[in-house]
Amino acid sequence: MRKILEECPGCGGPLHITGLRCGQCRMEVRGGFDPCGFCRLTTEQSTFLMLFVERRGNLSEMEKALGISYPTVRNKLEEIIRLLREPEVAPVGARDDVLRKVAAGQLSASEALEQLQALGGEDDR
């Protein structure tokens, strides 16, 4: 099975999942969906993680299998952990939608604040 595309093949910008379809009954679901943290990993990182699990987390075994130093193995693992822990930042368009609803009187300031905080991002005050 192919990994989900995460970047636009044309410009390299982030792609956002907006629909899903059942292959059996053809039912479609539309909305905004975030890929799981593991989907954000590169092929190399996914392969590394698979080897790590197969070797039951033994970094010395990873060092031997990959032919790289122990600190390099540890650094690669730390990089994956950091990527998996990073919160997914909502697209700017999602924040703009909330602000447009406030301007149109469809949302109160407190409701907008809740929604913006739920979207996450770099400045969650």
PDB file of N, CA and C in Angstrom:
ATOM      1  N   MET A   1       0.848  -1.177   0.000  1.00  0.00           N
ATOM      2  CA  MET A   1       0.000   0.000   0.000  1.00  0.00           C
ATOM      3  C   MET A   1       0.889   1.234   0.000  1.00  0.00           C
ATOM      4  N   ARG A   2       0.503   2.211  -0.799  1.00  0.00           N
ATOM      5  CA  ARG A   2       1.268   3.451  -0.883  1.00  0.00           C
ATOM      6  C   ARG A   2       0.995   4.348   0.305  1.00  0.00           C
ATOM      7  N   LYS A   3       2.005   5.125   0.642  1.00  0.00           N
ATOM      8  CA  LYS A   3       1.876   6.113   1.707  1.00  0.00           C
ATOM      9  C   LYS A   3       1.072   7.297   1.168  1.00  0.00           C
ATOM     10  N   ILE A   4       0.287   7.914   2.022  1.00  0.00           N
ATOM     11  CA  ILE A   4      -0.521   9.061   1.618  1.00  0.00           C
ATOM     12  C   ILE A   4       0.384  10.218   1.231  1.00  0.00           C
ATOM     13  N   LEU A   5       0.010  10.930   0.175  1.00  0.00           N
ATOM     14  CA  LEU A   5       0.759  12.117  -0.231  1.00  0.00           C
ATOM     15  C   LEU A   5       0.551  13.205   0.804  1.00  0.00           C
ATOM     16  N   GLU A   6       1.617  13.876   1.165  1.00  0.00           N
ATOM     17  CA  GLU A   6       1.513  14.955   2.134  1.00  0.00           C
ATOM     18  C   GLU A   6       1.932  16.293   1.568  1.00  0.00           C
ATOM     19  N   GLU A   7       2.625  16.269   0.417  1.00  0.00           N
ATOM     20  CA  GLU A   7       3.075  17.500  -0.206  1.00  0.00           C
ATOM     21  C   GLU A   7       2.550  17.563  -1.627  1.00  0.00           C
ATOM     22  N   CYS A   8       2.217  18.767  -2.052  1.00  0.00           N
ATOM     23  CA  CYS A   8       1.730  18.990  -3.411  1.00  0.00           C
ATOM     24  C   CYS A   8       2.837  18.624  -4.397  1.00  0.00           C
ATOM     25  N   PRO A   9       2.536  17.769  -5.381  1.00  0.00           N
ATOM     26  CA  PRO A   9       3.558  17.417  -6.360  1.00  0.00           C
ATOM     27  C   PRO A   9       3.969  18.613  -7.226  1.00  0.00           C
ATOM     28  N   GLY A  10       3.114  19.632  -7.295  1.00  0.00           N
ATOM     29  CA  GLY A  10       3.416  20.801  -8.114  1.00  0.00           C
ATOM     30  C   GLY A  10       4.291  21.823  -7.423  1.00  0.00           C
ATOM     31  N   CYS A  11       3.896  22.223  -6.201  1.00  0.00           N
ATOM     32  CA  CYS A  11       4.619  23.319  -5.533  1.00  0.00           C
ATOM     33  C   CYS A  11       5.311  22.896  -4.243  1.00  0.00           C
ATOM     34  N   GLY A  12       5.017  21.698  -3.736  1.00  0.00           N
ATOM     35  CA  GLY A  12       5.649  21.240  -2.502  1.00  0.00           C
ATOM     36  C   GLY A  12       4.938  21.680  -1.235  1.00  0.00           C
ATOM     37  N   GLY A  13       3.803  22.416  -1.389  1.00  0.00           N
ATOM     38  CA  GLY A  13       3.040  22.858  -0.225  1.00  0.00           C
ATOM     39  C   GLY A  13       2.341  21.687   0.454  1.00  0.00           C
ATOM     40  N   PRO A  14       1.913  21.870   1.695  1.00  0.00           N
ATOM     41  CA  PRO A  14       1.255  20.766   2.412  1.00  0.00           C
ATOM     42  C   PRO A  14      -0.124  20.466   1.832  1.00  0.00           C
ATOM     43  N   LEU A  15      -0.441  19.181   1.702  1.00  0.00           N
ATOM     44  CA  LEU A  15      -1.763  18.753   1.263  1.00  0.00           C
ATOM     45  C   LEU A  15      -2.609  18.456   2.495  1.00  0.00           C
ATOM     46  N   HIS A  16      -3.904  18.709   2.398  1.00  0.00           N
ATOM     47  CA  HIS A  16      -4.825  18.440   3.500  1.00  0.00           C
ATOM     48  C   HIS A  16      -5.887  17.462   3.025  1.00  0.00           C
ATOM     49  N   ILE A  17      -6.141  16.451   3.822  1.00  0.00           N
ATOM     50  CA  ILE A  17      -7.114  15.425   3.472  1.00  0.00           C
ATOM     51  C   ILE A  17      -8.500  16.028   3.646  1.00  0.00           C
ATOM     52  N   THR A  18      -9.302  15.985   2.586  1.00  0.00           N
ATOM     53  CA  THR A  18     -10.638  16.577   2.656  1.00  0.00           C
ATOM     54  C   THR A  18     -11.746  15.570   2.378  1.00  0.00           C
ATOM     55  N   GLY A  19     -11.399  14.357   2.017  1.00  0.00           N
ATOM     56  CA  GLY A  19     -12.439  13.377   1.752  1.00  0.00           C
ATOM     57  C   GLY A  19     -11.924  11.958   1.838  1.00  0.00           C
ATOM     58  N   LEU A  20     -12.841  11.055   2.166  1.00  0.00           N
ATOM     59  CA  LEU A  20     -12.545   9.631   2.245  1.00  0.00           C
ATOM     60  C   LEU A  20     -13.678   8.879   1.561  1.00  0.00           C
ATOM     61  N   ARG A  21     -13.368   7.734   0.937  1.00  0.00           N
ATOM     62  CA  ARG A  21     -14.402   6.960   0.275  1.00  0.00           C
ATOM     63  C   ARG A  21     -14.206   5.487   0.568  1.00  0.00           C
ATOM     64  N   CYS A  22     -15.301   4.806   0.888  1.00  0.00           N
ATOM     65  CA  CYS A  22     -15.277   3.368   1.138  1.00  0.00           C
ATOM     66  C   CYS A  22     -15.168   2.645  -0.203  1.00  0.00           C
ATOM     67  N   GLY A  23     -14.215   1.764  -0.325  1.00  0.00           N
ATOM     68  CA  GLY A  23     -14.043   1.003  -1.561  1.00  0.00           C
ATOM     69  C   GLY A  23     -15.126  -0.039  -1.770  1.00  0.00           C
ATOM     70  N   GLN A  24     -15.825  -0.384  -0.704  1.00  0.00           N
ATOM     71  CA  GLN A  24     -16.854  -1.419  -0.793  1.00  0.00           C
ATOM     72  C   GLN A  24     -18.224  -0.843  -1.159  1.00  0.00           C
ATOM     73  N   CYS A  25     -18.716   0.098  -0.373  1.00  0.00           N
ATOM     74  CA  CYS A  25     -20.065   0.628  -0.619  1.00  0.00           C
ATOM     75  C   CYS A  25     -20.045   1.989  -1.314  1.00  0.00           C
ATOM     76  N   ARG A  26     -18.850   2.551  -1.505  1.00  0.00           N
ATOM     77  CA  ARG A  26     -18.668   3.837  -2.182  1.00  0.00           C
ATOM     78  C   ARG A  26     -19.188   5.047  -1.388  1.00  0.00           C
ATOM     79  N   MET A  27     -19.492   4.863  -0.105  1.00  0.00           N
ATOM     80  CA  MET A  27     -19.906   5.997   0.722  1.00  0.00           C
ATOM     81  C   MET A  27     -18.738   6.970   0.826  1.00  0.00           C
ATOM     82  N   GLU A  28     -19.027   8.268   0.734  1.00  0.00           N
ATOM     83  CA  GLU A  28     -17.997   9.297   0.837  1.00  0.00           C
ATOM     84  C   GLU A  28     -18.216  10.151   2.073  1.00  0.00           C
ATOM     85  N   VAL A  29     -17.115  10.513   2.697  1.00  0.00           N
ATOM     86  CA  VAL A  29     -17.137  11.384   3.864  1.00  0.00           C
ATOM     87  C   VAL A  29     -16.269  12.582   3.519  1.00  0.00           C
ATOM     88  N   ARG A  30     -16.797  13.771   3.693  1.00  0.00           N
ATOM     89  CA  ARG A  30     -16.059  15.000   3.393  1.00  0.00           C
ATOM     90  C   ARG A  30     -15.821  15.773   4.683  1.00  0.00           C
ATOM     91  N   GLY A  31     -14.702  16.420   4.774  1.00  0.00           N
ATOM     92  CA  GLY A  31     -14.360  17.211   5.949  1.00  0.00           C
ATOM     93  C   GLY A  31     -12.873  17.508   5.937  1.00  0.00           C
ATOM     94  N   GLY A  32     -12.327  17.819   7.076  1.00  0.00           N
ATOM     95  CA  GLY A  32     -10.893  18.048   7.217  1.00  0.00           C
ATOM     96  C   GLY A  32     -10.316  16.989   8.132  1.00  0.00           C
ATOM     97  N   PHE A  33      -9.321  16.267   7.651  1.00  0.00           N
ATOM     98  CA  PHE A  33      -8.738  15.170   8.415  1.00  0.00           C
ATOM     99  C   PHE A  33      -7.230  15.322   8.465  1.00  0.00           C
ATOM    100  N   ASP A  34      -6.646  15.053   9.609  1.00  0.00           N
ATOM    101  CA  ASP A  34      -5.200  15.102   9.766  1.00  0.00           C
ATOM    102  C   ASP A  34      -4.631  13.699   9.663  1.00  0.00           C
ATOM    103  N   PRO A  35      -3.505  13.550   8.953  1.00  0.00           N
ATOM    104  CA  PRO A  35      -2.852  12.239   8.937  1.00  0.00           C
ATOM    105  C   PRO A  35      -2.257  11.958  10.315  1.00  0.00           C
ATOM    106  N   CYS A  36      -2.074  10.704  10.630  1.00  0.00           N
ATOM    107  CA  CYS A  36      -1.467  10.358  11.916  1.00  0.00           C
ATOM    108  C   CYS A  36      -0.002  10.777  11.914  1.00  0.00           C
ATOM    109  N   GLY A  37       0.581  10.847  13.089  1.00  0.00           N
ATOM    110  CA  GLY A  37       1.980  11.250  13.201  1.00  0.00           C
ATOM    111  C   GLY A  37       2.918  10.352  12.414  1.00  0.00           C
ATOM    112  N   PHE A  38       2.622   9.054  12.363  1.00  0.00           N
ATOM    113  CA  PHE A  38       3.478   8.122  11.643  1.00  0.00           C
ATOM    114  C   PHE A  38       3.439   8.382  10.140  1.00  0.00           C
ATOM    115  N   CYS A  39       2.327   8.920   9.647  1.00  0.00           N
ATOM    116  CA  CYS A  39       2.206   9.233   8.217  1.00  0.00           C
ATOM    117  C   CYS A  39       3.137  10.367   7.813  1.00  0.00           C
ATOM    118  N   ARG A  40       3.537  11.187   8.766  1.00  0.00           N
ATOM    119  CA  ARG A  40       4.428  12.308   8.470  1.00  0.00           C
ATOM    120  C   ARG A  40       5.887  11.878   8.349  1.00  0.00           C
ATOM    121  N   LEU A  41       6.206  10.645   8.740  1.00  0.00           N
ATOM    122  CA  LEU A  41       7.586  10.174   8.667  1.00  0.00           C
ATOM    123  C   LEU A  41       7.987   9.918   7.224  1.00  0.00           C
ATOM    124  N   THR A  42       9.257  10.139   6.938  1.00  0.00           N
ATOM    125  CA  THR A  42       9.775   9.814   5.604  1.00  0.00           C
ATOM    126  C   THR A  42       9.891   8.300   5.483  1.00  0.00           C
ATOM    127  N   THR A  43      10.107   7.830   4.264  1.00  0.00           N
ATOM    128  CA  THR A  43      10.284   6.391   4.041  1.00  0.00           C
ATOM    129  C   THR A  43      11.481   5.888   4.834  1.00  0.00           C
ATOM    130  N   GLU A  44      12.552   6.664   4.853  1.00  0.00           N
ATOM    131  CA  GLU A  44      13.752   6.281   5.601  1.00  0.00           C
ATOM    132  C   GLU A  44      13.455   6.172   7.099  1.00  0.00           C
ATOM    133  N   GLN A  45      12.706   7.121   7.634  1.00  0.00           N
ATOM    134  CA  GLN A  45      12.360   7.093   9.055  1.00  0.00           C
ATOM    135  C   GLN A  45      11.440   5.921   9.378  1.00  0.00           C
ATOM    136  N   SER A  46      10.505   5.613   8.499  1.00  0.00           N
ATOM    137  CA  SER A  46       9.605   4.479   8.706  1.00  0.00           C
ATOM    138  C   SER A  46      10.381   3.168   8.697  1.00  0.00           C
ATOM    139  N   THR A  47      11.329   3.049   7.773  1.00  0.00           N
ATOM    140  CA  THR A  47      12.169   1.848   7.695  1.00  0.00           C
ATOM    141  C   THR A  47      13.003   1.717   8.965  1.00  0.00           C
ATOM    142  N   PHE A  48      13.568   2.832   9.412  1.00  0.00           N
ATOM    143  CA  PHE A  48      14.355   2.839  10.648  1.00  0.00           C
ATOM    144  C   PHE A  48      13.495   2.353  11.821  1.00  0.00           C
ATOM    145  N   LEU A  49      12.283   2.879  11.914  1.00  0.00           N
ATOM    146  CA  LEU A  49      11.379   2.521  13.010  1.00  0.00           C
ATOM    147  C   LEU A  49      11.016   1.038  12.960  1.00  0.00           C
ATOM    148  N   MET A  50      10.804   0.509  11.762  1.00  0.00           N
ATOM    149  CA  MET A  50      10.488  -0.913  11.606  1.00  0.00           C
ATOM    150  C   MET A  50      11.660  -1.773  12.088  1.00  0.00           C
ATOM    151  N   LEU A  51      12.868  -1.401  11.694  1.00  0.00           N
ATOM    152  CA  LEU A  51      14.057  -2.125  12.165  1.00  0.00           C
ATOM    153  C   LEU A  51      14.189  -2.034  13.682  1.00  0.00           C
ATOM    154  N   PHE A  52      13.903  -0.860  14.215  1.00  0.00           N
ATOM    155  CA  PHE A  52      13.980  -0.643  15.657  1.00  0.00           C
ATOM    156  C   PHE A  52      13.024  -1.594  16.391  1.00  0.00           C
ATOM    157  N   VAL A  53      11.820  -1.716  15.884  1.00  0.00           N
ATOM    158  CA  VAL A  53      10.831  -2.613  16.506  1.00  0.00           C
ATOM    159  C   VAL A  53      11.272  -4.068  16.339  1.00  0.00           C
ATOM    160  N   GLU A  54      11.730  -4.429  15.147  1.00  0.00           N
ATOM    161  CA  GLU A  54      12.191  -5.806  14.913  1.00  0.00           C
ATOM    162  C   GLU A  54      13.342  -6.184  15.837  1.00  0.00           C
ATOM    163  N   ARG A  55      14.164  -5.208  16.187  1.00  0.00           N
ATOM    164  CA  ARG A  55      15.295  -5.462  17.084  1.00  0.00           C
ATOM    165  C   ARG A  55      14.960  -5.151  18.530  1.00  0.00           C
ATOM    166  N   ARG A  56      13.659  -5.036  18.776  1.00  0.00           N
ATOM    167  CA  ARG A  56      13.114  -4.844  20.122  1.00  0.00           C
ATOM    168  C   ARG A  56      13.749  -3.667  20.869  1.00  0.00           C
ATOM    169  N   GLY A  57      14.046  -2.605  20.130  1.00  0.00           N
ATOM    170  CA  GLY A  57      14.556  -1.393  20.744  1.00  0.00           C
ATOM    171  C   GLY A  57      16.017  -1.433  21.140  1.00  0.00           C
ATOM    172  N   ASN A  58      16.738  -2.441  20.708  1.00  0.00           N
ATOM    173  CA  ASN A  58      18.149  -2.569  21.068  1.00  0.00           C
ATOM    174  C   ASN A  58      18.992  -1.701  20.130  1.00  0.00           C
ATOM    175  N   LEU A  59      19.501  -0.587  20.649  1.00  0.00           N
ATOM    176  CA  LEU A  59      20.261   0.349  19.828  1.00  0.00           C
ATOM    177  C   LEU A  59      21.577  -0.242  19.328  1.00  0.00           C
ATOM    178  N   SER A  60      22.185  -1.122  20.098  1.00  0.00           N
ATOM    179  CA  SER A  60      23.427  -1.763  19.654  1.00  0.00           C
ATOM    180  C   SER A  60      23.168  -2.651  18.448  1.00  0.00           C
ATOM    181  N   GLU A  61      22.031  -3.348  18.453  1.00  0.00           N
ATOM    182  CA  GLU A  61      21.659  -4.175  17.297  1.00  0.00           C
ATOM    183  C   GLU A  61      21.370  -3.298  16.082  1.00  0.00           C
ATOM    184  N   MET A  62      20.775  -2.150  16.308  1.00  0.00           N
ATOM    185  CA  MET A  62      20.502  -1.203  15.224  1.00  0.00           C
ATOM    186  C   MET A  62      21.821  -0.718  14.618  1.00  0.00           C
ATOM    187  N   GLU A  63      22.776  -0.441  15.486  1.00  0.00           N
ATOM    188  CA  GLU A  63      24.091   0.024  15.059  1.00  0.00           C
ATOM    189  C   GLU A  63      24.718  -1.002  14.103  1.00  0.00           C
ATOM    190  N   LYS A  64      24.637  -2.271  14.478  1.00  0.00           N
ATOM    191  CA  LYS A  64      25.206  -3.344  13.647  1.00  0.00           C
ATOM    192  C   LYS A  64      24.431  -3.500  12.338  1.00  0.00           C
ATOM    193  N   ALA A  65      23.115  -3.499  12.414  1.00  0.00           N
ATOM    194  CA  ALA A  65      22.278  -3.711  11.233  1.00  0.00           C
ATOM    195  C   ALA A  65      22.440  -2.596  10.194  1.00  0.00           C
ATOM    196  N   LEU A  66      22.579  -1.373  10.663  1.00  0.00           N
ATOM    197  CA  LEU A  66      22.657  -0.232   9.752  1.00  0.00           C
ATOM    198  C   LEU A  66      24.086   0.178   9.406  1.00  0.00           C
ATOM    199  N   GLY A  67      25.050  -0.329  10.186  1.00  0.00           N
ATOM    200  CA  GLY A  67      26.443   0.020   9.930  1.00  0.00           C
ATOM    201  C   GLY A  67      26.748   1.475  10.231  1.00  0.00           C
ATOM    202  N   ILE A  68      26.082   2.011  11.251  1.00  0.00           N
ATOM    203  CA  ILE A  68      26.316   3.390  11.664  1.00  0.00           C
ATOM    204  C   ILE A  68      26.638   3.412  13.148  1.00  0.00           C
ATOM    205  N   SER A  69      27.181   4.523  13.616  1.00  0.00           N
ATOM    206  CA  SER A  69      27.598   4.609  15.011  1.00  0.00           C
ATOM    207  C   SER A  69      26.394   4.672  15.952  1.00  0.00           C
ATOM    208  N   TYR A  70      26.649   4.305  17.199  1.00  0.00           N
ATOM    209  CA  TYR A  70      25.605   4.329  18.233  1.00  0.00           C
ATOM    210  C   TYR A  70      25.004   5.732  18.388  1.00  0.00           C
ATOM    211  N   PRO A  71      25.847   6.807  18.449  1.00  0.00           N
ATOM    212  CA  PRO A  71      25.264   8.155  18.559  1.00  0.00           C
ATOM    213  C   PRO A  71      24.381   8.517  17.359  1.00  0.00           C
ATOM    214  N   THR A  72      24.737   8.059  16.163  1.00  0.00           N
ATOM    215  CA  THR A  72      23.924   8.335  14.983  1.00  0.00           C
ATOM    216  C   THR A  72      22.576   7.625  15.093  1.00  0.00           C
ATOM    217  N   VAL A  73      22.589   6.379  15.563  1.00  0.00           N
ATOM    218  CA  VAL A  73      21.338   5.643  15.774  1.00  0.00           C
ATOM    219  C   VAL A  73      20.470   6.400  16.763  1.00  0.00           C
ATOM    220  N   ARG A  74      21.064   6.808  17.859  1.00  0.00           N
ATOM    221  CA  ARG A  74      20.326   7.532  18.895  1.00  0.00           C
ATOM    222  C   ARG A  74      19.761   8.851  18.358  1.00  0.00           C
ATOM    223  N   ASN A  75      20.559   9.568  17.561  1.00  0.00           N
ATOM    224  CA  ASN A  75      20.096  10.829  16.984  1.00  0.00           C
ATOM    225  C   ASN A  75      18.936  10.624  16.020  1.00  0.00           C
ATOM    226  N   LYS A  76      18.998   9.565  15.214  1.00  0.00           N
ATOM    227  CA  LYS A  76      17.896   9.268  14.287  1.00  0.00           C
ATOM    228  C   LYS A  76      16.622   8.947  15.069  1.00  0.00           C
ATOM    229  N   LEU A  77      16.754   8.196  16.146  1.00  0.00           N
ATOM    230  CA  LEU A  77      15.604   7.859  16.978  1.00  0.00           C
ATOM    231  C   LEU A  77      15.041   9.110  17.644  1.00  0.00           C
ATOM    232  N   GLU A  78      15.898   9.981  18.148  1.00  0.00           N
ATOM    233  CA  GLU A  78      15.454  11.234  18.768  1.00  0.00           C
ATOM    234  C   GLU A  78      14.713  12.114  17.768  1.00  0.00           C
ATOM    235  N   GLU A  79      15.183  12.135  16.530  1.00  0.00           N
ATOM    236  CA  GLU A  79      14.527  12.921  15.483  1.00  0.00           C
ATOM    237  C   GLU A  79      13.098  12.409  15.243  1.00  0.00           C
ATOM    238  N   ILE A  80      12.952  11.085  15.191  1.00  0.00           N
ATOM    239  CA  ILE A  80      11.622  10.494  14.984  1.00  0.00           C
ATOM    240  C   ILE A  80      10.717  10.798  16.173  1.00  0.00           C
ATOM    241  N   ILE A  81      11.238  10.668  17.365  1.00  0.00           N
ATOM    242  CA  ILE A  81      10.443  10.964  18.570  1.00  0.00           C
ATOM    243  C   ILE A  81       9.986  12.415  18.549  1.00  0.00           C
ATOM    244  N   ARG A  82      10.888  13.335  18.187  1.00  0.00           N
ATOM    245  CA  ARG A  82      10.549  14.757  18.124  1.00  0.00           C
ATOM    246  C   ARG A  82       9.435  15.002  17.092  1.00  0.00           C
ATOM    247  N   LEU A  83       9.538  14.376  15.926  1.00  0.00           N
ATOM    248  CA  LEU A  83       8.509  14.537  14.893  1.00  0.00           C
ATOM    249  C   LEU A  83       7.152  14.005  15.357  1.00  0.00           C
ATOM    250  N   LEU A  84       7.159  12.886  16.061  1.00  0.00           N
ATOM    251  CA  LEU A  84       5.902  12.292  16.522  1.00  0.00           C
ATOM    252  C   LEU A  84       5.263  13.112  17.643  1.00  0.00           C
ATOM    253  N   ARG A  85       6.074  13.834  18.402  1.00  0.00           N
ATOM    254  CA  ARG A  85       5.542  14.637  19.503  1.00  0.00           C
ATOM    255  C   ARG A  85       5.073  16.024  19.064  1.00  0.00           C
ATOM    256  N   GLU A  86       5.591  16.511  17.922  1.00  0.00           N
ATOM    257  CA  GLU A  86       5.223  17.852  17.459  1.00  0.00           C
ATOM    258  C   GLU A  86       3.736  17.910  17.163  1.00  0.00           C
ATOM    259  N   PRO A  87       3.065  18.912  17.683  1.00  0.00           N
ATOM    260  CA  PRO A  87       1.643  19.036  17.362  1.00  0.00           C
ATOM    261  C   PRO A  87       1.481  19.419  15.903  1.00  0.00           C
ATOM    262  N   GLU A  88       0.457  18.896  15.299  1.00  0.00           N
ATOM    263  CA  GLU A  88       0.147  19.249  13.912  1.00  0.00           C
ATOM    264  C   GLU A  88      -0.385  20.670  13.901  1.00  0.00           C
ATOM    265  N   VAL A  89       0.191  21.518  13.087  1.00  0.00           N
ATOM    266  CA  VAL A  89      -0.242  22.909  13.011  1.00  0.00           C
ATOM    267  C   VAL A  89      -1.361  23.006  11.986  1.00  0.00           C
ATOM    268  N   ALA A  90      -2.452  23.610  12.385  1.00  0.00           N
ATOM    269  CA  ALA A  90      -3.596  23.754  11.484  1.00  0.00           C
ATOM    270  C   ALA A  90      -3.238  24.689  10.344  1.00  0.00           C
ATOM    271  N   PRO A  91      -3.807  24.435   9.172  1.00  0.00           N
ATOM    272  CA  PRO A  91      -3.530  25.320   8.048  1.00  0.00           C
ATOM    273  C   PRO A  91      -4.043  26.730   8.323  1.00  0.00           C
ATOM    274  N   VAL A  92      -3.372  27.703   7.751  1.00  0.00           N
ATOM    275  CA  VAL A  92      -3.756  29.098   7.954  1.00  0.00           C
ATOM    276  C   VAL A  92      -5.209  29.305   7.567  1.00  0.00           C
ATOM    277  N   GLY A  93      -5.677  28.631   6.540  1.00  0.00           N
ATOM    278  CA  GLY A  93      -7.061  28.765   6.089  1.00  0.00           C
ATOM    279  C   GLY A  93      -8.059  28.426   7.172  1.00  0.00           C
ATOM    280  N   ALA A  94      -7.751  27.454   8.021  1.00  0.00           N
ATOM    281  CA  ALA A  94      -8.658  27.066   9.104  1.00  0.00           C
ATOM    282  C   ALA A  94      -8.791  28.193  10.116  1.00  0.00           C
ATOM    283  N   ARG A  95      -7.681  28.853  10.422  1.00  0.00           N
ATOM    284  CA  ARG A  95      -7.727  29.990  11.346  1.00  0.00           C
ATOM    285  C   ARG A  95      -8.513  31.145  10.726  1.00  0.00           C
ATOM    286  N   ASP A  96      -8.268  31.369   9.434  1.00  0.00           N
ATOM    287  CA  ASP A  96      -8.987  32.438   8.734  1.00  0.00           C
ATOM    288  C   ASP A  96     -10.494  32.197   8.748  1.00  0.00           C
ATOM    289  N   ASP A  97     -10.906  30.948   8.596  1.00  0.00           N
ATOM    290  CA  ASP A  97     -12.341  30.616   8.618  1.00  0.00           C
ATOM    291  C   ASP A  97     -12.967  30.999   9.953  1.00  0.00           C
ATOM    292  N   VAL A  98     -12.259  30.709  11.046  1.00  0.00           N
ATOM    293  CA  VAL A  98     -12.766  31.060  12.368  1.00  0.00           C
ATOM    294  C   VAL A  98     -12.914  32.578  12.484  1.00  0.00           C
ATOM    295  N   LEU A  99     -11.910  33.305  12.036  1.00  0.00           N
ATOM    296  CA  LEU A  99     -11.962  34.773  12.119  1.00  0.00           C
ATOM    297  C   LEU A  99     -13.071  35.355  11.242  1.00  0.00           C
ATOM    298  N   ARG A 100     -13.285  34.767  10.070  1.00  0.00           N
ATOM    299  CA  ARG A 100     -14.379  35.218   9.206  1.00  0.00           C
ATOM    300  C   ARG A 100     -15.734  35.013   9.886  1.00  0.00           C
ATOM    301  N   LYS A 101     -15.883  33.891  10.599  1.00  0.00           N
ATOM    302  CA  LYS A 101     -17.148  33.619  11.295  1.00  0.00           C
ATOM    303  C   LYS A 101     -17.386  34.636  12.414  1.00  0.00           C
ATOM    304  N   VAL A 102     -16.309  35.051  13.083  1.00  0.00           N
ATOM    305  CA  VAL A 102     -16.440  36.077  14.124  1.00  0.00           C
ATOM    306  C   VAL A 102     -16.889  37.386  13.479  1.00  0.00           C
ATOM    307  N   ALA A 103     -16.231  37.741  12.380  1.00  0.00           N
ATOM    308  CA  ALA A 103     -16.576  38.990  11.689  1.00  0.00           C
ATOM    309  C   ALA A 103     -18.017  38.985  11.186  1.00  0.00           C
ATOM    310  N   ALA A 104     -18.521  37.792  10.805  1.00  0.00           N
ATOM    311  CA  ALA A 104     -19.890  37.686  10.291  1.00  0.00           C
ATOM    312  C   ALA A 104     -20.911  37.532  11.418  1.00  0.00           C
ATOM    313  N   GLY A 105     -20.425  37.491  12.663  1.00  0.00           N
ATOM    314  CA  GLY A 105     -21.342  37.354  13.792  1.00  0.00           C
ATOM    315  C   GLY A 105     -21.822  35.927  14.030  1.00  0.00           C
ATOM    316  N   GLN A 106     -21.181  34.966  13.404  1.00  0.00           N
ATOM    317  CA  GLN A 106     -21.565  33.560  13.551  1.00  0.00           C
ATOM    318  C   GLN A 106     -20.926  32.900  14.766  1.00  0.00           C
ATOM    319  N   LEU A 107     -19.864  33.501  15.303  1.00  0.00           N
ATOM    320  CA  LEU A 107     -19.168  32.973  16.477  1.00  0.00           C
ATOM    321  C   LEU A 107     -18.888  34.106  17.450  1.00  0.00           C
ATOM    322  N   SER A 108     -18.979  33.785  18.737  1.00  0.00           N
ATOM    323  CA  SER A 108     -18.592  34.775  19.748  1.00  0.00           C
ATOM    324  C   SER A 108     -17.074  34.735  19.891  1.00  0.00           C
ATOM    325  N   ALA A 109     -16.526  35.730  20.549  1.00  0.00           N
ATOM    326  CA  ALA A 109     -15.076  35.785  20.758  1.00  0.00           C
ATOM    327  C   ALA A 109     -14.590  34.579  21.561  1.00  0.00           C
ATOM    328  N   SER A 110     -15.363  34.188  22.582  1.00  0.00           N
ATOM    329  CA  SER A 110     -14.932  33.052  23.403  1.00  0.00           C
ATOM    330  C   SER A 110     -14.997  31.740  22.616  1.00  0.00           C
ATOM    331  N   GLU A 111     -16.021  31.589  21.771  1.00  0.00           N
ATOM    332  CA  GLU A 111     -16.103  30.383  20.936  1.00  0.00           C
ATOM    333  C   GLU A 111     -14.945  30.348  19.940  1.00  0.00           C
ATOM    334  N   ALA A 112     -14.627  31.508  19.377  1.00  0.00           N
ATOM    335  CA  ALA A 112     -13.518  31.592  18.428  1.00  0.00           C
ATOM    336  C   ALA A 112     -12.203  31.239  19.109  1.00  0.00           C
ATOM    337  N   LEU A 113     -12.003  31.751  20.313  1.00  0.00           N
ATOM    338  CA  LEU A 113     -10.781  31.453  21.056  1.00  0.00           C
ATOM    339  C   LEU A 113     -10.648  29.951  21.287  1.00  0.00           C
ATOM    340  N   GLU A 114     -11.737  29.312  21.694  1.00  0.00           N
ATOM    341  CA  GLU A 114     -11.735  27.856  21.896  1.00  0.00           C
ATOM    342  C   GLU A 114     -11.331  27.133  20.621  1.00  0.00           C
ATOM    343  N   GLN A 115     -11.945  27.530  19.503  1.00  0.00           N
ATOM    344  CA  GLN A 115     -11.654  26.865  18.239  1.00  0.00           C
ATOM    345  C   GLN A 115     -10.211  27.098  17.804  1.00  0.00           C
ATOM    346  N   LEU A 116      -9.706  28.299  17.977  1.00  0.00           N
ATOM    347  CA  LEU A 116      -8.320  28.585  17.608  1.00  0.00           C
ATOM    348  C   LEU A 116      -7.345  27.794  18.466  1.00  0.00           C
ATOM    349  N   GLN A 117      -7.651  27.667  19.758  1.00  0.00           N
ATOM    350  CA  GLN A 117      -6.788  26.874  20.635  1.00  0.00           C
ATOM    351  C   GLN A 117      -6.828  25.404  20.253  1.00  0.00           C
ATOM    352  N   ALA A 118      -7.993  24.911  19.832  1.00  0.00           N
ATOM    353  CA  ALA A 118      -8.126  23.512  19.406  1.00  0.00           C
ATOM    354  C   ALA A 118      -7.346  23.246  18.113  1.00  0.00           C
ATOM    355  N   LEU A 119      -7.227  24.274  17.271  1.00  0.00           N
ATOM    356  CA  LEU A 119      -6.467  24.117  16.023  1.00  0.00           C
ATOM    357  C   LEU A 119      -4.980  23.991  16.299  1.00  0.00           C
ATOM    358  N   GLY A 120      -4.533  24.517  17.439  1.00  0.00           N
ATOM    359  CA  GLY A 120      -3.125  24.435  17.782  1.00  0.00           C
ATOM    360  C   GLY A 120      -2.306  25.421  16.987  1.00  0.00           C
ATOM    361  N   GLY A 121      -1.015  25.287  17.095  1.00  0.00           N
ATOM    362  CA  GLY A 121      -0.129  26.169  16.350  1.00  0.00           C
ATOM    363  C   GLY A 121       1.044  26.585  17.178  1.00  0.00           C
ATOM    364  N   GLU A 122       1.765  27.542  16.665  1.00  0.00           N
ATOM    365  CA  GLU A 122       3.019  27.921  17.294  1.00  0.00           C
ATOM    366  C   GLU A 122       2.842  28.818  18.509  1.00  0.00           C
ATOM    367  N   ASP A 123       1.678  29.460  18.666  1.00  0.00           N
ATOM    368  CA  ASP A 123       1.499  30.412  19.735  1.00  0.00           C
ATOM    369  C   ASP A 123       0.180  30.171  20.461  1.00  0.00           C
ATOM    370  N   ASP A 124       0.105  29.084  21.239  1.00  0.00           N
ATOM    371  CA  ASP A 124      -1.134  28.730  21.959  1.00  0.00           C
ATOM    372  C   ASP A 124      -1.203  29.458  23.286  1.00  0.00           C
ATOM    373  N   ARG A 125      -1.681  30.691  23.291  1.00  0.00           N
ATOM    374  CA  ARG A 125      -1.774  31.452  24.533  1.00  0.00           C
ATOM    375  C   ARG A 125      -3.126  31.262  25.157  1.00  0.00           C
TER     376      ARG A 125
END
